[in-house]
Amino acid sequence: MLNEFHEALIAEPQTLYGRPLRRFSLGHAVLLHAIDSPFRVDGVLSAYECFKAVGICSRTFEDARLWLFKLSRQDCKKEFKQWFKQNHKGSVDAIVEQLNEYFTAFLQYPKFWEPDDTSKQPKLPTELLLATALMKQLHFTESQAWNCPYGLAVWYVTAASGNDKMVVSDEEDRIAERLRQTQPLPKPNGETNASR
């Protein structure tokens, strides 16, 4: 548990294809989802989708929103072709892999116990709930909330709300892993260990 917190705290952004990326934030996640990015929803990962992801994640939430608005209002093929020509050193798979490593670095947050009643799952987007909690409980400005690194936002809200009892501790995780390893495998055709 502490390892995930430390990783979220010290994760450093990287430069990807000529653009220094910012720490992956709640706002970045929302914007990627808003444009149906295959990094957030099912879809085909193309060079153009990577271009948009890098474009979003290299800007603040506010600047990325303006950039997306600009992309939707004008033909951005020239900007994309220039970016691709200057920065494309390998396959699209290589770009996707680097972006996935970047996302993973900033999505380090605690494991939570699964609730017994799944009907209590939130109906609002997780990022909206986290940003609102940061503003309400920790007095972040709207800009600070949307630009807060995703993993750290989860840690901050969890600590501030007193929900640490829902967090799986390192010891509980080790015990659960040992139990998973010692559970007998199910027998084919419904045969149980007792029927032998």
C-alpha atoms as a PDB file:
ATOM      1  CA  MET A   1       0.000   0.000   0.000  1.00  0.00           C
ATOM      2  CA  LEU A   2       2.746   2.461   0.924  1.00  0.00           C
ATOM      3  CA  ASN A   3       4.679   1.530  -2.212  1.00  0.00           C
ATOM      4  CA  GLU A   4       1.728   2.594  -4.377  1.00  0.00           C
ATOM      5  CA  PHE A   5       1.479   5.892  -2.485  1.00  0.00           C
ATOM      6  CA  HIS A   6       5.195   6.586  -2.867  1.00  0.00           C
ATOM      7  CA  GLU A   7       5.065   5.695  -6.563  1.00  0.00           C
ATOM      8  CA  ALA A   8       2.127   8.067  -7.065  1.00  0.00           C
ATOM      9  CA  LEU A   9       3.921  10.800  -5.151  1.00  0.00           C
ATOM     10  CA  ILE A  10       7.248  10.632  -6.979  1.00  0.00           C
ATOM     11  CA  ALA A  11       6.112   9.600 -10.473  1.00  0.00           C
ATOM     12  CA  GLU A  12       7.817  11.890 -12.931  1.00  0.00           C
ATOM     13  CA  PRO A  13       6.414  12.981 -16.249  1.00  0.00           C
ATOM     14  CA  GLN A  14       8.351  12.183 -19.373  1.00  0.00           C
ATOM     15  CA  THR A  15       8.908  13.656 -22.779  1.00  0.00           C
ATOM     16  CA  LEU A  16       7.160  11.696 -25.465  1.00  0.00           C
ATOM     17  CA  TYR A  17       7.621  12.421 -29.147  1.00  0.00           C
ATOM     18  CA  GLY A  18       8.871  15.938 -28.679  1.00  0.00           C
ATOM     19  CA  ARG A  19       6.313  17.017 -26.065  1.00  0.00           C
ATOM     20  CA  PRO A  20       7.012  17.123 -22.332  1.00  0.00           C
ATOM     21  CA  LEU A  21       4.023  15.393 -20.719  1.00  0.00           C
ATOM     22  CA  ARG A  22       2.522  16.683 -17.500  1.00  0.00           C
ATOM     23  CA  ARG A  23       1.563  14.400 -14.640  1.00  0.00           C
ATOM     24  CA  PHE A  24      -1.527  12.437 -15.765  1.00  0.00           C
ATOM     25  CA  SER A  25      -4.414  14.222 -14.077  1.00  0.00           C
ATOM     26  CA  LEU A  26      -8.122  13.891 -13.433  1.00  0.00           C
ATOM     27  CA  GLY A  27      -8.683  16.458 -16.179  1.00  0.00           C
ATOM     28  CA  HIS A  28      -6.605  14.491 -18.671  1.00  0.00           C
ATOM     29  CA  ALA A  29      -8.670  11.369 -17.940  1.00  0.00           C
ATOM     30  CA  VAL A  30     -11.947  13.274 -18.414  1.00  0.00           C
ATOM     31  CA  LEU A  31     -10.825  14.832 -21.699  1.00  0.00           C
ATOM     32  CA  LEU A  32      -9.600  11.514 -23.104  1.00  0.00           C
ATOM     33  CA  HIS A  33     -12.957  10.000 -22.207  1.00  0.00           C
ATOM     34  CA  ALA A  34     -14.835  12.966 -23.687  1.00  0.00           C
ATOM     35  CA  ILE A  35     -13.227  12.395 -27.086  1.00  0.00           C
ATOM     36  CA  ASP A  36     -13.779   8.616 -26.830  1.00  0.00           C
ATOM     37  CA  SER A  37     -10.052   7.999 -26.824  1.00  0.00           C
ATOM     38  CA  PRO A  38      -9.218   4.305 -27.176  1.00  0.00           C
ATOM     39  CA  PHE A  39      -6.949   4.831 -24.162  1.00  0.00           C
ATOM     40  CA  ARG A  40     -10.140   5.236 -22.071  1.00  0.00           C
ATOM     41  CA  VAL A  41     -12.823   3.372 -24.041  1.00  0.00           C
ATOM     42  CA  ASP A  42     -12.748   0.531 -26.548  1.00  0.00           C
ATOM     43  CA  GLY A  43     -11.484   1.488 -29.955  1.00  0.00           C
ATOM     44  CA  VAL A  44      -8.653   1.320 -32.444  1.00  0.00           C
ATOM     45  CA  LEU A  45      -5.361   2.831 -31.346  1.00  0.00           C
ATOM     46  CA  SER A  46      -4.004   4.797 -34.302  1.00  0.00           C
ATOM     47  CA  ALA A  47      -1.184   7.299 -34.681  1.00  0.00           C
ATOM     48  CA  TYR A  48      -3.822  10.054 -34.711  1.00  0.00           C
ATOM     49  CA  GLU A  49      -5.261   8.838 -31.394  1.00  0.00           C
ATOM     50  CA  CYS A  50      -1.740   8.876 -29.929  1.00  0.00           C
ATOM     51  CA  PHE A  51      -1.276  12.435 -31.261  1.00  0.00           C
ATOM     52  CA  LYS A  52      -4.448  13.551 -29.455  1.00  0.00           C
ATOM     53  CA  ALA A  53      -3.446  11.757 -26.225  1.00  0.00           C
ATOM     54  CA  VAL A  54       0.016  13.371 -26.260  1.00  0.00           C
ATOM     55  CA  GLY A  55      -1.598  16.718 -27.112  1.00  0.00           C
ATOM     56  CA  ILE A  56      -3.919  16.488 -24.119  1.00  0.00           C
ATOM     57  CA  CYS A  57      -1.407  15.113 -21.619  1.00  0.00           C
ATOM     58  CA  SER A  58       1.247  17.703 -22.491  1.00  0.00           C
ATOM     59  CA  ARG A  59      -1.047  20.549 -21.438  1.00  0.00           C
ATOM     60  CA  THR A  60      -2.878  21.686 -18.339  1.00  0.00           C
ATOM     61  CA  PHE A  61      -6.545  20.718 -18.200  1.00  0.00           C
ATOM     62  CA  GLU A  62      -7.573  24.238 -19.226  1.00  0.00           C
ATOM     63  CA  ASP A  63      -5.111  24.466 -22.122  1.00  0.00           C
ATOM     64  CA  ALA A  64      -5.979  20.949 -23.308  1.00  0.00           C
ATOM     65  CA  ARG A  65      -9.685  21.872 -23.397  1.00  0.00           C
ATOM     66  CA  LEU A  66      -8.872  24.883 -25.584  1.00  0.00           C
ATOM     67  CA  TRP A  67      -6.616  22.766 -27.802  1.00  0.00           C
ATOM     68  CA  LEU A  68      -9.391  20.194 -28.304  1.00  0.00           C
ATOM     69  CA  PHE A  69     -11.814  22.967 -29.151  1.00  0.00           C
ATOM     70  CA  LYS A  70      -9.314  24.239 -31.731  1.00  0.00           C
ATOM     71  CA  LEU A  71      -8.938  20.729 -33.179  1.00  0.00           C
ATOM     72  CA  SER A  72     -12.686  20.384 -33.539  1.00  0.00           C
ATOM     73  CA  ARG A  73     -12.999  23.769 -35.285  1.00  0.00           C
ATOM     74  CA  GLN A  74     -10.224  23.499 -37.850  1.00  0.00           C
ATOM     75  CA  ASP A  75      -8.477  21.012 -40.009  1.00  0.00           C
ATOM     76  CA  CYS A  76      -5.657  19.674 -37.859  1.00  0.00           C
ATOM     77  CA  LYS A  77      -4.246  17.277 -40.454  1.00  0.00           C
ATOM     78  CA  LYS A  78      -1.331  19.634 -41.114  1.00  0.00           C
ATOM     79  CA  GLU A  79      -0.413  19.820 -37.410  1.00  0.00           C
ATOM     80  CA  PHE A  80      -0.769  16.034 -37.084  1.00  0.00           C
ATOM     81  CA  LYS A  81       1.327  15.309 -40.188  1.00  0.00           C
ATOM     82  CA  GLN A  82       4.062  17.675 -38.982  1.00  0.00           C
ATOM     83  CA  TRP A  83       4.073  16.075 -35.513  1.00  0.00           C
ATOM     84  CA  PHE A  84       4.074  12.571 -36.943  1.00  0.00           C
ATOM     85  CA  LYS A  85       6.869  13.312 -39.426  1.00  0.00           C
ATOM     86  CA  GLN A  86       9.088  14.913 -36.746  1.00  0.00           C
ATOM     87  CA  ASN A  87       8.491  12.407 -33.980  1.00  0.00           C
ATOM     88  CA  HIS A  88       7.489   9.070 -35.419  1.00  0.00           C
ATOM     89  CA  LYS A  89      10.567   6.912 -34.881  1.00  0.00           C
ATOM     90  CA  GLY A  90       8.868   3.524 -34.661  1.00  0.00           C
ATOM     91  CA  SER A  91       5.586   1.765 -34.931  1.00  0.00           C
ATOM     92  CA  VAL A  92       2.303   2.943 -33.491  1.00  0.00           C
ATOM     93  CA  ASP A  93       2.634   0.017 -31.064  1.00  0.00           C
ATOM     94  CA  ALA A  94       5.784   1.641 -29.628  1.00  0.00           C
ATOM     95  CA  ILE A  95       3.929   4.924 -29.069  1.00  0.00           C
ATOM     96  CA  VAL A  96       1.004   3.075 -27.461  1.00  0.00           C
ATOM     97  CA  GLU A  97       3.350   1.158 -25.171  1.00  0.00           C
ATOM     98  CA  GLN A  98       5.070   4.348 -24.019  1.00  0.00           C
ATOM     99  CA  LEU A  99       1.732   6.061 -23.392  1.00  0.00           C
ATOM    100  CA  ASN A 100       0.467   3.064 -21.414  1.00  0.00           C
ATOM    101  CA  GLU A 101       3.624   3.150 -19.262  1.00  0.00           C
ATOM    102  CA  TYR A 102       3.010   6.850 -18.664  1.00  0.00           C
ATOM    103  CA  PHE A 103      -0.632   6.258 -17.646  1.00  0.00           C
ATOM    104  CA  THR A 104       0.338   3.367 -15.348  1.00  0.00           C
ATOM    105  CA  ALA A 105       2.932   5.489 -13.543  1.00  0.00           C
ATOM    106  CA  PHE A 106       0.270   8.018 -12.537  1.00  0.00           C
ATOM    107  CA  LEU A 107      -2.519   5.568 -11.737  1.00  0.00           C
ATOM    108  CA  GLN A 108      -0.968   4.221  -8.544  1.00  0.00           C
ATOM    109  CA  TYR A 109      -3.663   4.249  -5.886  1.00  0.00           C
ATOM    110  CA  PRO A 110      -4.764   1.992  -3.034  1.00  0.00           C
ATOM    111  CA  LYS A 111      -6.596  -1.284  -3.465  1.00  0.00           C
ATOM    112  CA  PHE A 112     -10.061  -1.146  -1.945  1.00  0.00           C
ATOM    113  CA  TRP A 113     -12.212  -3.883  -0.493  1.00  0.00           C
ATOM    114  CA  GLU A 114     -15.049  -4.705  -2.856  1.00  0.00           C
ATOM    115  CA  PRO A 115     -18.433  -3.608  -1.472  1.00  0.00           C
ATOM    116  CA  ASP A 116     -20.972  -6.352  -0.778  1.00  0.00           C
ATOM    117  CA  ASP A 117     -23.742  -4.333  -2.387  1.00  0.00           C
ATOM    118  CA  THR A 118     -22.798  -3.386  -5.946  1.00  0.00           C
ATOM    119  CA  SER A 119     -26.011  -1.364  -6.299  1.00  0.00           C
ATOM    120  CA  LYS A 120     -24.231   1.365  -4.334  1.00  0.00           C
ATOM    121  CA  GLN A 121     -21.783   1.984  -7.178  1.00  0.00           C
ATOM    122  CA  PRO A 122     -21.577   5.710  -8.009  1.00  0.00           C
ATOM    123  CA  LYS A 123     -23.615   6.935 -10.938  1.00  0.00           C
ATOM    124  CA  LEU A 124     -21.425   9.965 -11.594  1.00  0.00           C
ATOM    125  CA  PRO A 125     -17.990   9.728 -13.250  1.00  0.00           C
ATOM    126  CA  THR A 126     -15.220   8.871 -10.798  1.00  0.00           C
ATOM    127  CA  GLU A 127     -13.121  11.849 -11.916  1.00  0.00           C
ATOM    128  CA  LEU A 128     -15.984  14.258 -11.169  1.00  0.00           C
ATOM    129  CA  LEU A 129     -16.465  12.750  -7.709  1.00  0.00           C
ATOM    130  CA  LEU A 130     -12.741  13.013  -6.981  1.00  0.00           C
ATOM    131  CA  ALA A 131     -12.430  16.600  -8.248  1.00  0.00           C
ATOM    132  CA  THR A 132     -15.488  17.664  -6.243  1.00  0.00           C
ATOM    133  CA  ALA A 133     -14.137  15.997  -3.101  1.00  0.00           C
ATOM    134  CA  LEU A 134     -10.766  17.729  -3.563  1.00  0.00           C
ATOM    135  CA  MET A 135     -12.547  21.085  -3.801  1.00  0.00           C
ATOM    136  CA  LYS A 136     -15.010  20.455  -0.966  1.00  0.00           C
ATOM    137  CA  GLN A 137     -12.830  18.615   1.538  1.00  0.00           C
ATOM    138  CA  LEU A 138      -9.359  19.930   0.775  1.00  0.00           C
ATOM    139  CA  HIS A 139     -10.254  23.375  -0.598  1.00  0.00           C
ATOM    140  CA  PHE A 140      -8.508  22.885  -3.929  1.00  0.00           C
ATOM    141  CA  THR A 141      -9.412  25.414  -6.586  1.00  0.00           C
ATOM    142  CA  GLU A 142     -11.189  23.988  -9.618  1.00  0.00           C
ATOM    143  CA  SER A 143      -7.968  24.249 -11.613  1.00  0.00           C
ATOM    144  CA  GLN A 144      -5.938  22.518  -8.898  1.00  0.00           C
ATOM    145  CA  ALA A 145      -8.498  19.703  -8.669  1.00  0.00           C
ATOM    146  CA  TRP A 146      -8.620  18.984 -12.417  1.00  0.00           C
ATOM    147  CA  ASN A 147      -4.822  19.239 -12.716  1.00  0.00           C
ATOM    148  CA  CYS A 148      -4.183  16.996  -9.689  1.00  0.00           C
ATOM    149  CA  PRO A 149      -2.411  13.755 -10.655  1.00  0.00           C
ATOM    150  CA  TYR A 150      -5.001  10.982 -10.783  1.00  0.00           C
ATOM    151  CA  GLY A 151      -3.412   8.560  -8.325  1.00  0.00           C
ATOM    152  CA  LEU A 152      -2.650  11.282  -5.788  1.00  0.00           C
ATOM    153  CA  ALA A 153      -6.249  12.529  -6.013  1.00  0.00           C
ATOM    154  CA  VAL A 154      -7.473   9.086  -4.952  1.00  0.00           C
ATOM    155  CA  TRP A 155      -4.988   8.993  -2.073  1.00  0.00           C
ATOM    156  CA  TYR A 156      -5.886  12.517  -0.901  1.00  0.00           C
ATOM    157  CA  VAL A 157      -9.643  11.948  -1.020  1.00  0.00           C
ATOM    158  CA  THR A 158      -9.333   8.571   0.694  1.00  0.00           C
ATOM    159  CA  ALA A 159      -7.265  10.048   3.535  1.00  0.00           C
ATOM    160  CA  ALA A 160      -9.414  13.181   3.915  1.00  0.00           C
ATOM    161  CA  SER A 161     -12.704  11.283   3.948  1.00  0.00           C
ATOM    162  CA  GLY A 162     -11.592   8.771   6.559  1.00  0.00           C
ATOM    163  CA  ASN A 163     -12.243   5.855   4.204  1.00  0.00           C
ATOM    164  CA  ASP A 164      -8.927   4.241   5.030  1.00  0.00           C
ATOM    165  CA  LYS A 165     -10.800   1.262   6.524  1.00  0.00           C
ATOM    166  CA  MET A 166     -11.895   0.401   2.960  1.00  0.00           C
ATOM    167  CA  VAL A 167      -8.238   0.245   1.855  1.00  0.00           C
ATOM    168  CA  VAL A 168      -6.589  -3.176   1.655  1.00  0.00           C
ATOM    169  CA  SER A 169      -3.439  -3.012   3.794  1.00  0.00           C
ATOM    170  CA  ASP A 170      -0.174  -4.606   2.691  1.00  0.00           C
ATOM    171  CA  GLU A 171      -0.642  -7.362   5.286  1.00  0.00           C
ATOM    172  CA  GLU A 172      -4.243  -8.033   4.216  1.00  0.00           C
ATOM    173  CA  ASP A 173      -3.090  -8.180   0.603  1.00  0.00           C
ATOM    174  CA  ARG A 174      -0.368 -10.737   1.480  1.00  0.00           C
ATOM    175  CA  ILE A 175      -2.889 -12.878   3.390  1.00  0.00           C
ATOM    176  CA  ALA A 176      -5.403 -12.701   0.530  1.00  0.00           C
ATOM    177  CA  GLU A 177      -2.685 -13.685  -1.959  1.00  0.00           C
ATOM    178  CA  ARG A 178      -1.676 -16.687   0.183  1.00  0.00           C
ATOM    179  CA  LEU A 179      -5.332 -17.737   0.386  1.00  0.00           C
ATOM    180  CA  ARG A 180      -5.726 -17.444  -3.378  1.00  0.00           C
ATOM    181  CA  GLN A 181      -2.678 -19.662  -3.871  1.00  0.00           C
ATOM    182  CA  THR A 182      -3.897 -22.338  -1.442  1.00  0.00           C
ATOM    183  CA  GLN A 183      -7.477 -22.562  -2.730  1.00  0.00           C
ATOM    184  CA  PRO A 184      -8.105 -25.888  -4.473  1.00  0.00           C
ATOM    185  CA  LEU A 185      -8.761 -25.651  -8.176  1.00  0.00           C
ATOM    186  CA  PRO A 186     -12.313 -26.495  -9.247  1.00  0.00           C
ATOM    187  CA  LYS A 187     -12.770 -29.992 -10.657  1.00  0.00           C
ATOM    188  CA  PRO A 188     -14.210 -30.532 -14.122  1.00  0.00           C
ATOM    189  CA  ASN A 189     -17.898 -31.422 -14.539  1.00  0.00           C
ATOM    190  CA  GLY A 190     -18.870 -30.185 -11.093  1.00  0.00           C
ATOM    191  CA  GLU A 191     -16.777 -32.815  -9.254  1.00  0.00           C
ATOM    192  CA  THR A 192     -15.734 -31.583  -5.821  1.00  0.00           C
ATOM    193  CA  ASN A 193     -12.888 -32.600  -3.545  1.00  0.00           C
ATOM    194  CA  ALA A 194     -15.428 -34.161  -1.155  1.00  0.00           C
ATOM    195  CA  SER A 195     -16.817 -36.493  -3.847  1.00  0.00           C
ATOM    196  CA  ARG A 196     -13.484 -38.290  -4.301  1.00  0.00           C
END
